[in-house]
Amino acid sequence: MSLPKIDAPKMPKELSEITLPSEEMESEENYHTGIISDCTIDNQSGYKVTFDKIIFRNVIFTRISMKEIELTDVIFDRCDLSNVDFGEATIHRTEFRNCKIIGMDLTGATIRNVLFQSCLGDYVTFRMANFKQINFQDCSLLSSDFYESTLLKVHFEACQLDRAQFTGSKLSGIDISSCEFTSLGVSIDDLRGCIISRGQASVFASLFGLVLKE
């Protein structure tokens, strides 16, 4: 199955290596056009920090709480963003490739044209986030939280979704037919129009106390 087309990050052909300051980032600081690689970014809490045309490669983020961070034309490649707090972020034309995003907090984020590819994202929080044109490809999203999020042109391909929470999120037009799960947090109204496989029908039957007769 081919993923729906989304706008890729717009990157210059050549990017130079840049180094972030060792001290605390200032609120509303802007970093743009470069590669940040093979380092640890630790103990940062800058508010409304902006990253534009940046590649993070093999970067570990620890003790990070950067509310309303703005990411535009950014690539995270083999990074560890576990437990970072990017609450109310604005993320546009960004890719997460082979990243650990376990427990990452994107509550209330606005997310546009973003690819999550081969990411380990168990317990990631997208509560009340607003998604448009998003591809999740080959990701583990066990016990992830999409509570009351807005999902528009969101596609899940070959993802692990067991125990994911979708209560309050309308799944009409959302295709989860290639994903694996034995239970989901979801209501009947939320499921209306969701695209599933025949094999998954039995999961939802048991979820709502129905009995399938062969």
Protein backbone atom coordinates (compact mmCIF):
# COMPACT_ATOMS: atom_id res chain seq x y z
CA MET A 1 0.00 0.00 0.00
CA SER A 2 1.43 3.38 -0.95
CA LEU A 3 1.21 6.14 1.62
CA PRO A 4 -0.68 9.31 0.77
CA LYS A 5 1.57 12.10 -0.43
CA ILE A 6 2.54 14.69 2.15
CA ASP A 7 4.77 17.74 1.77
CA ALA A 8 8.37 16.79 2.57
CA PRO A 9 10.77 19.06 4.48
CA LYS A 10 12.26 21.74 2.25
CA MET A 11 16.01 21.51 2.74
CA PRO A 12 18.93 23.29 1.07
CA LYS A 13 21.25 20.98 -0.90
CA GLU A 14 24.09 21.65 1.52
CA LEU A 15 23.87 22.08 5.28
CA SER A 16 26.75 22.91 7.59
CA GLU A 17 27.22 21.47 11.07
CA ILE A 18 26.02 23.72 13.86
CA THR A 19 26.45 23.43 17.62
CA LEU A 20 23.84 24.46 20.14
CA PRO A 21 24.98 26.57 23.08
CA SER A 22 25.70 24.63 26.26
CA GLU A 23 23.69 27.04 28.39
CA GLU A 24 19.91 27.28 28.64
CA MET A 25 18.14 28.24 25.41
CA GLU A 26 16.39 31.56 25.58
CA SER A 27 12.63 31.70 25.03
CA GLU A 28 11.63 32.50 21.44
CA GLU A 29 15.18 31.79 20.25
CA ASN A 30 15.55 30.73 16.59
CA TYR A 31 17.89 28.14 15.10
CA HIS A 32 17.95 27.60 11.35
CA THR A 33 19.71 25.90 8.43
CA GLY A 34 22.15 23.27 9.64
CA ILE A 35 22.86 19.79 10.97
CA ILE A 36 23.03 18.95 14.67
CA SER A 37 24.50 15.47 15.16
CA ASP A 38 25.98 12.95 17.60
CA CYS A 39 25.27 14.86 20.78
CA THR A 40 23.00 15.09 23.82
CA ILE A 41 20.67 18.05 24.37
CA ASP A 42 20.00 18.14 28.09
CA ASN A 43 17.92 20.10 30.59
CA GLN A 44 16.29 22.64 28.27
CA SER A 45 13.02 24.45 28.92
CA GLY A 46 12.99 27.34 26.45
CA TYR A 47 9.50 28.56 25.51
CA LYS A 48 8.49 28.98 21.85
CA VAL A 49 11.95 28.04 20.56
CA THR A 50 12.00 27.74 16.76
CA PHE A 51 13.93 25.27 14.60
CA ASP A 52 13.80 25.84 10.82
CA LYS A 53 15.58 23.74 8.15
CA ILE A 54 17.41 21.63 10.73
CA ILE A 55 18.50 17.99 10.63
CA PHE A 56 18.95 16.31 14.02
CA ARG A 57 21.00 13.14 13.48
CA ASN A 58 21.72 10.68 16.29
CA VAL A 59 20.80 13.20 18.98
CA ILE A 60 19.61 12.27 22.48
CA PHE A 61 17.15 14.65 24.16
CA THR A 62 17.00 14.40 27.97
CA ARG A 63 15.07 16.43 30.56
CA ILE A 64 13.43 18.52 27.85
CA SER A 65 10.32 20.66 28.42
CA MET A 66 9.97 23.08 25.51
CA LYS A 67 6.37 24.24 25.37
CA GLU A 68 5.04 25.62 22.08
CA ILE A 69 8.21 24.65 20.21
CA GLU A 70 7.99 25.43 16.47
CA LEU A 71 9.47 22.91 14.02
CA THR A 72 9.38 23.70 10.28
CA ASP A 73 11.31 21.72 7.64
CA VAL A 74 13.00 19.54 10.27
CA ILE A 75 14.27 15.94 10.12
CA PHE A 76 14.92 13.80 13.20
CA ASP A 77 17.08 10.85 12.12
CA ARG A 78 17.83 8.09 14.67
CA CYS A 79 17.15 10.40 17.61
CA ASP A 80 15.92 9.61 21.11
CA LEU A 81 13.12 11.97 22.12
CA SER A 82 11.70 9.76 24.86
CA ASN A 83 9.66 11.68 27.45
CA VAL A 84 10.31 15.12 25.93
CA ASP A 85 7.53 17.64 26.52
CA PHE A 86 6.63 19.46 23.31
CA GLY A 87 3.14 20.38 24.51
CA GLU A 88 1.22 22.72 22.18
CA ALA A 89 3.98 22.46 19.56
CA THR A 90 3.55 23.61 15.97
CA ILE A 91 5.13 21.05 13.64
CA HIS A 92 5.11 21.45 9.85
CA ARG A 93 6.90 19.51 7.07
CA THR A 94 8.85 17.38 9.56
CA GLU A 95 10.03 13.76 9.55
CA PHE A 96 10.81 11.42 12.44
CA ARG A 97 12.89 8.54 11.02
CA ASN A 98 13.90 5.56 13.16
CA CYS A 99 13.42 7.55 16.36
CA LYS A 100 12.54 6.63 19.93
CA ILE A 101 9.59 8.79 20.97
CA ILE A 102 8.46 6.70 23.93
CA GLY A 103 6.30 8.80 26.25
CA MET A 104 6.79 11.94 24.14
CA ASP A 105 4.18 14.58 25.05
CA LEU A 106 2.57 16.44 22.14
CA THR A 107 -0.63 17.39 23.96
CA GLY A 108 -2.52 20.11 22.07
CA ALA A 109 0.03 20.20 19.24
CA THR A 110 -0.74 21.35 15.70
CA ILE A 111 0.83 18.83 13.33
CA ARG A 112 0.86 19.25 9.53
CA ASN A 113 2.60 17.21 6.79
CA VAL A 114 4.57 15.00 9.18
CA LEU A 115 6.01 11.52 8.65
CA PHE A 116 6.65 9.10 11.52
CA GLN A 117 8.66 6.23 9.99
CA SER A 118 9.88 3.16 11.90
CA CYS A 119 9.54 4.90 15.25
CA LEU A 120 9.22 3.35 18.71
CA GLY A 121 6.41 5.44 20.14
CA ASP A 122 4.78 3.44 22.92
CA TYR A 123 2.93 5.66 25.43
CA VAL A 124 3.30 8.75 23.19
CA THR A 125 0.69 11.40 24.03
CA PHE A 126 -1.20 13.22 21.28
CA ARG A 127 -4.16 14.26 23.45
CA MET A 128 -6.24 17.01 21.84
CA ALA A 129 -3.69 17.41 19.03
CA ASN A 130 -4.76 18.59 15.59
CA PHE A 131 -3.41 16.41 12.75
CA LYS A 132 -3.61 17.02 9.00
CA GLN A 133 -1.77 15.01 6.31
CA ILE A 134 0.17 12.68 8.59
CA ASN A 135 1.70 9.27 7.83
CA PHE A 136 2.56 6.75 10.54
CA GLN A 137 4.56 3.97 8.87
CA ASP A 138 5.82 0.83 10.60
CA CYS A 139 5.64 2.39 14.08
CA SER A 140 5.02 0.86 17.50
CA LEU A 141 2.32 2.97 19.16
CA LEU A 142 1.31 0.67 22.01
CA SER A 143 -0.82 2.46 24.63
CA SER A 144 -0.53 5.71 22.67
CA ASP A 145 -3.03 8.44 23.48
CA PHE A 146 -5.02 10.21 20.75
CA TYR A 147 -7.83 11.26 23.12
CA GLU A 148 -10.06 13.94 21.55
CA SER A 149 -7.56 14.62 18.77
CA THR A 150 -8.56 15.83 15.30
CA LEU A 151 -7.48 13.39 12.59
CA LEU A 152 -7.69 14.63 8.99
CA LYS A 153 -5.92 12.72 6.22
CA VAL A 154 -4.05 10.61 8.77
CA HIS A 155 -2.81 7.20 7.62
CA PHE A 156 -1.49 4.30 9.68
CA GLU A 157 0.44 1.59 7.81
CA ALA A 158 1.71 -1.57 9.50
CA CYS A 159 1.64 -0.02 12.97
CA GLN A 160 1.24 -1.66 16.38
CA LEU A 161 -1.81 0.02 17.91
CA ASP A 162 -2.69 -2.29 20.77
CA ARG A 163 -4.34 -0.43 23.67
CA ALA A 164 -4.18 2.90 21.82
CA GLN A 165 -6.71 5.42 23.10
CA PHE A 166 -8.91 7.07 20.44
CA THR A 167 -11.89 8.05 22.58
CA GLY A 168 -13.35 11.33 21.34
CA SER A 169 -11.42 11.17 18.05
CA LYS A 170 -13.46 10.68 14.88
CA LEU A 171 -11.96 7.85 12.82
CA SER A 172 -14.08 8.34 9.70
CA GLY A 173 -11.87 7.73 6.65
CA ILE A 174 -8.92 6.59 8.79
CA ASP A 175 -7.40 3.34 7.46
CA ILE A 176 -6.06 1.01 10.17
CA SER A 177 -6.59 -2.18 8.16
CA SER A 178 -2.86 -3.04 8.02
CA CYS A 179 -2.28 -2.46 11.74
CA GLU A 180 -2.15 -4.93 14.61
CA PHE A 181 -4.12 -4.65 17.84
CA THR A 182 -6.27 -6.74 20.17
CA SER A 183 -7.97 -3.80 21.89
CA LEU A 184 -8.50 -0.08 21.34
CA GLY A 185 -10.00 2.67 23.44
CA VAL A 186 -12.78 3.87 21.17
CA SER A 187 -16.54 4.44 21.08
CA ILE A 188 -19.02 3.21 18.48
CA ASP A 189 -19.64 6.76 17.29
CA ASP A 190 -15.89 7.39 16.91
CA LEU A 191 -15.52 4.25 14.77
CA ARG A 192 -18.14 5.21 12.20
CA GLY A 193 -16.50 5.24 8.75
CA CYS A 194 -13.19 3.77 9.96
CA ILE A 195 -11.51 1.44 7.42
CA ILE A 196 -10.65 -1.96 8.91
CA SER A 197 -9.86 -5.45 7.64
CA ARG A 198 -12.25 -8.40 7.85
CA GLY A 199 -10.02 -10.00 10.47
CA GLN A 200 -10.26 -6.91 12.67
CA ALA A 201 -14.06 -7.03 12.69
CA SER A 202 -13.97 -9.71 15.38
CA VAL A 203 -11.84 -7.45 17.60
CA PHE A 204 -14.50 -4.74 17.48
CA ALA A 205 -17.30 -7.26 17.92
CA SER A 206 -15.78 -8.44 21.21
CA LEU A 207 -15.02 -4.84 22.17
CA PHE A 208 -18.70 -3.99 22.08
CA GLY A 209 -19.93 -7.28 23.52
CA LEU A 210 -21.13 -8.71 20.20
CA VAL A 211 -20.94 -12.41 19.35
CA LEU A 212 -19.93 -13.39 15.81
CA LYS A 213 -21.62 -16.53 14.51
CA GLU A 214 -19.68 -18.50 11.93
